Structures are given as C-alpha cells and as structure tokens.
C-alpha cells in the first residue's frame, strides 16, 4: 500500500543567515516522531526537552512528551498523529527545543507526495547551513560564534574550538545521502 508523505519546511528562528531543512515524513507518524526527524535533520543531539505549540491565547495548544516527574503539562506528543494536525499547505506549528537555550523553529506544512520505495522515511532531502552547536547560549550565543568566525578573531576562535572540541563550520550542510540511515536514526530517537 502506498503511503502519503507530508513535506515540511523547518526554519530555525532568530538566527541569520537562515538555517532550514525540508523533512518528509509519513502522515501516520506522531508529533514525537516529527520531533525525532527534526533532531536528526537539524543536527541536534536530542539532549534537551522539547514542545510543540500552535494558536494564541485561549486557543493555544501545547504538546509535550511528559517526563517522569510530570513537570510540564500539555498534550502528549506520542498521541497526536500528523494527519490530524496538518490539513492544508501553510498550516504551521512552533517547535521549541532546549528550554534553556530556547531554539525556536517554525514547522510549515508545504504539501504532500507519495511514498517512494527507493527511500526510507522520514528523510531530509534539502536544507541550508549547519545547525548551531548545543549549549552555545541560544541565538545570541550562536550569533557571537558567527561574529568570531566572520572577523577571524583568533583568540575567540581558539576558545570556541577548545570548548566545542572541533572547528565549527556554519556553511557545512549536505542532504543526507544515506536516506535509510536517516530514517533508522530518527526511528531510534522516537522510541
């Protein structure tokens, strides 16, 4: 049976130049599985809590994965299927990753396609720029890192290199060539 695939554009907010991804995922997947696909596509390490939200004021709906201590209230992301939330191209939801650094993403439903037996899903066929490093201090910390790279500030770059353990390249991104690996990794995070 051929499955319908939803196409999303994920845009990391409050950073310039833009960091974005296209993610394709089965419409029967849950919001939690979309979270896993976003983690892999963006390059996050799934080391922090997350939430989805949509609407405003009294109509605002929040979706979370309840933790063991039940500190956060909201709708359980494992119980909401994408097909029940996204109906028309342009429908969107906000995705917040890491409540400390506050990485806000806009997730925009772009349209549908049908499953291709040559690909594993979910998959990330396109995007731009490398995801910011974890725990960099949110958008302000990331912009400071970019400024150090742009100005070629040797002292700051050395400090960042030592802290990160590698030389960060903000322009590095390539769509995942091994689509099956992407799908398997996203499924593992979603468990």
Protein backbone atom coordinates (compact mmCIF):
# COMPACT_ATOMS: atom_id res chain seq x y z
CA UNK A 1 0.00 0.00 0.00
CA UNK A 2 1.41 3.38 -1.00
CA UNK A 3 1.57 5.83 1.91
CA UNK A 4 1.04 9.56 1.79
CA UNK A 5 4.10 11.58 2.82
CA UNK A 6 3.89 15.07 4.32
CA UNK A 7 6.51 17.65 3.36
CA UNK A 8 7.60 20.19 5.98
CA UNK A 9 9.92 23.16 5.95
CA UNK A 10 11.64 23.64 9.32
CA UNK A 11 13.11 27.10 9.89
CA UNK A 12 15.29 27.92 12.90
CA UNK A 13 14.05 31.30 14.12
CA UNK A 14 16.06 34.28 15.39
CA UNK A 15 19.28 33.39 13.54
CA UNK A 16 20.82 34.90 10.43
CA UNK A 17 21.71 33.72 7.88
CA UNK A 18 18.77 31.28 7.92
CA UNK A 19 19.17 27.64 8.95
CA UNK A 20 16.42 25.46 7.45
CA UNK A 21 15.54 21.91 6.41
CA UNK A 22 12.97 20.11 4.31
CA UNK A 23 11.67 16.99 6.06
CA UNK A 24 9.44 14.33 4.53
CA UNK A 25 7.58 12.02 6.92
CA UNK A 26 4.65 9.62 6.81
CA UNK A 27 1.33 11.26 7.67
CA UNK A 28 0.57 8.49 10.20
CA UNK A 29 3.58 9.39 12.35
CA UNK A 30 3.15 11.21 15.66
CA UNK A 31 4.36 14.65 16.74
CA UNK A 32 7.01 12.84 18.80
CA UNK A 33 8.25 11.12 15.64
CA UNK A 34 8.32 14.50 13.88
CA UNK A 35 10.47 15.74 16.80
CA UNK A 36 12.88 12.84 16.16
CA UNK A 37 13.06 13.66 12.44
CA UNK A 38 13.74 17.33 13.23
CA UNK A 39 16.51 16.35 15.66
CA UNK A 40 18.29 14.27 13.01
CA UNK A 41 17.71 16.71 10.14
CA UNK A 42 18.87 19.76 12.07
CA UNK A 43 21.81 18.03 13.74
CA UNK A 44 20.61 18.43 17.32
CA UNK A 45 21.65 15.77 19.84
CA UNK A 46 18.26 15.09 21.48
CA UNK A 47 19.75 16.11 24.83
CA UNK A 48 17.01 18.51 25.99
CA UNK A 49 13.26 18.73 26.44
CA UNK A 50 11.02 19.98 23.66
CA UNK A 51 7.49 21.16 22.98
CA UNK A 52 5.21 21.98 20.09
CA UNK A 53 2.62 24.76 20.27
CA UNK A 54 0.08 26.37 18.00
CA UNK A 55 -2.57 29.04 18.29
CA UNK A 56 -2.74 32.02 20.62
CA UNK A 57 -4.35 32.99 23.90
CA UNK A 58 -7.20 30.69 24.95
CA UNK A 59 -6.84 28.77 21.68
CA UNK A 60 -3.17 27.95 22.25
CA UNK A 61 -2.46 24.23 22.33
CA UNK A 62 0.80 22.87 23.75
CA UNK A 63 2.16 19.39 23.02
CA UNK A 64 4.92 17.85 25.14
CA UNK A 65 6.42 14.47 25.91
CA UNK A 66 5.65 14.07 29.61
CA UNK A 67 8.75 13.38 31.64
CA UNK A 68 8.88 11.04 34.61
CA UNK A 69 8.38 13.89 37.06
CA UNK A 70 5.45 15.31 35.05
CA UNK A 71 6.79 18.85 35.41
CA UNK A 72 5.16 20.03 32.21
CA UNK A 73 1.53 19.96 31.26
CA UNK A 74 0.18 19.67 27.78
CA UNK A 75 -0.97 17.18 25.20
CA UNK A 76 1.23 14.09 24.86
CA UNK A 77 3.16 14.25 21.56
CA UNK A 78 3.00 10.46 21.21
CA UNK A 79 -0.81 10.59 20.97
CA UNK A 80 -1.21 13.12 18.13
CA UNK A 81 -0.79 12.00 14.52
CA UNK A 82 0.45 14.45 11.90
CA UNK A 83 -2.57 13.72 9.68
CA UNK A 84 -4.84 15.04 12.47
CA UNK A 85 -2.94 18.32 12.85
CA UNK A 86 -1.84 19.31 9.34
CA UNK A 87 -4.59 19.58 6.75
CA UNK A 88 -3.72 22.43 4.36
CA UNK A 89 -0.42 23.68 2.96
CA UNK A 90 0.64 26.63 5.10
CA UNK A 91 -0.56 25.04 8.37
CA UNK A 92 2.22 25.51 10.91
CA UNK A 93 3.30 24.68 14.43
CA UNK A 94 6.11 26.03 16.60
CA UNK A 95 8.75 23.60 17.81
CA UNK A 96 10.84 24.61 20.83
CA UNK A 97 13.97 22.62 21.61
CA UNK A 98 16.01 23.16 24.79
CA UNK A 99 14.04 25.28 27.23
CA UNK A 100 17.29 26.96 28.38
CA UNK A 101 18.79 27.98 25.03
CA UNK A 102 15.27 28.30 23.52
CA UNK A 103 15.83 27.14 19.97
CA UNK A 104 12.55 28.07 18.30
CA UNK A 105 11.67 26.50 14.97
CA UNK A 106 8.72 27.18 12.69
CA UNK A 107 7.42 23.95 11.14
CA UNK A 108 5.41 24.70 7.99
CA UNK A 109 3.38 22.08 6.14
CA UNK A 110 4.25 22.52 2.44
CA UNK A 111 2.23 19.73 0.80
CA UNK A 112 2.12 16.00 0.17
CA UNK A 113 3.75 13.39 -2.01
CA UNK A 114 3.57 9.62 -2.08
CA UNK A 115 5.98 7.09 -0.70
CA UNK A 116 8.86 6.15 -2.98
CA UNK A 117 10.12 2.60 -2.43
CA UNK A 118 13.69 3.79 -3.11
CA UNK A 119 13.73 5.97 0.03
CA UNK A 120 13.39 5.38 3.74
CA UNK A 121 11.18 7.80 5.64
CA UNK A 122 11.49 10.15 7.33
CA UNK A 123 14.11 11.84 5.21
CA UNK A 124 15.74 15.23 4.73
CA UNK A 125 16.27 15.95 1.03
CA UNK A 126 17.29 19.62 1.36
CA UNK A 127 18.44 22.32 3.73
CA UNK A 128 20.86 25.13 4.32
CA UNK A 129 23.65 25.79 6.81
CA UNK A 130 24.93 23.83 9.78
CA UNK A 131 22.86 23.61 12.94
CA UNK A 132 24.24 25.70 15.83
CA UNK A 133 26.24 23.81 18.46
CA UNK A 134 24.29 22.60 21.51
CA UNK A 135 24.56 24.71 24.68
CA UNK A 136 26.05 27.70 22.85
CA UNK A 137 23.66 30.09 24.61
CA UNK A 138 20.76 30.18 22.19
CA UNK A 139 20.53 32.61 19.28
CA UNK A 140 22.65 35.33 20.99
CA UNK A 141 25.48 32.86 21.72
CA UNK A 142 25.28 31.49 18.20
CA UNK A 143 25.45 35.00 16.68
CA UNK A 144 28.57 35.65 18.81
CA UNK A 145 30.17 32.48 17.43
CA UNK A 146 29.33 33.58 13.86
CA UNK A 147 30.81 37.04 14.55
CA UNK A 148 34.06 35.45 15.78
CA UNK A 149 34.21 33.33 12.61
CA UNK A 150 33.43 36.28 10.32
CA UNK A 151 36.00 38.60 11.92
CA UNK A 152 38.54 35.75 12.14
CA UNK A 153 39.12 36.59 15.82
CA UNK A 154 41.89 34.09 16.57
CA UNK A 155 41.62 34.30 20.35
CA UNK A 156 37.85 33.74 20.39
CA UNK A 157 38.04 31.04 17.72
CA UNK A 158 40.64 29.16 19.76
CA UNK A 159 38.36 29.34 22.83
CA UNK A 160 35.37 28.07 20.80
CA UNK A 161 37.49 25.30 19.25
CA UNK A 162 38.63 24.13 22.68
CA UNK A 163 35.13 24.31 24.15
CA UNK A 164 33.46 22.52 21.22
CA UNK A 165 36.32 20.12 20.54
CA UNK A 166 36.27 20.93 16.82
CA UNK A 167 36.28 23.83 14.35
CA UNK A 168 32.66 24.79 13.69
CA UNK A 169 31.79 25.49 10.04
CA UNK A 170 28.43 27.31 9.75
CA UNK A 171 28.21 26.69 6.00
CA UNK A 172 28.53 22.92 6.27
CA UNK A 173 25.37 21.08 5.28
CA UNK A 174 24.57 18.37 2.81
CA UNK A 175 21.33 16.48 2.45
CA UNK A 176 21.75 13.06 3.96
CA UNK A 177 22.88 10.75 1.15
CA UNK A 178 22.12 7.64 3.18
CA UNK A 179 18.36 8.06 3.49
CA UNK A 180 17.80 4.69 5.12
CA UNK A 181 20.30 5.54 7.87
CA UNK A 182 18.46 8.84 8.45
CA UNK A 183 15.13 7.03 8.77
CA UNK A 184 16.57 4.40 11.13
CA UNK A 185 18.20 7.01 13.35
CA UNK A 186 15.02 9.10 13.52
CA UNK A 187 13.02 5.98 14.45
CA UNK A 188 15.51 5.15 17.22
CA UNK A 189 15.21 8.64 18.74
CA UNK A 190 11.40 8.41 18.55
CA UNK A 191 11.28 5.33 20.83
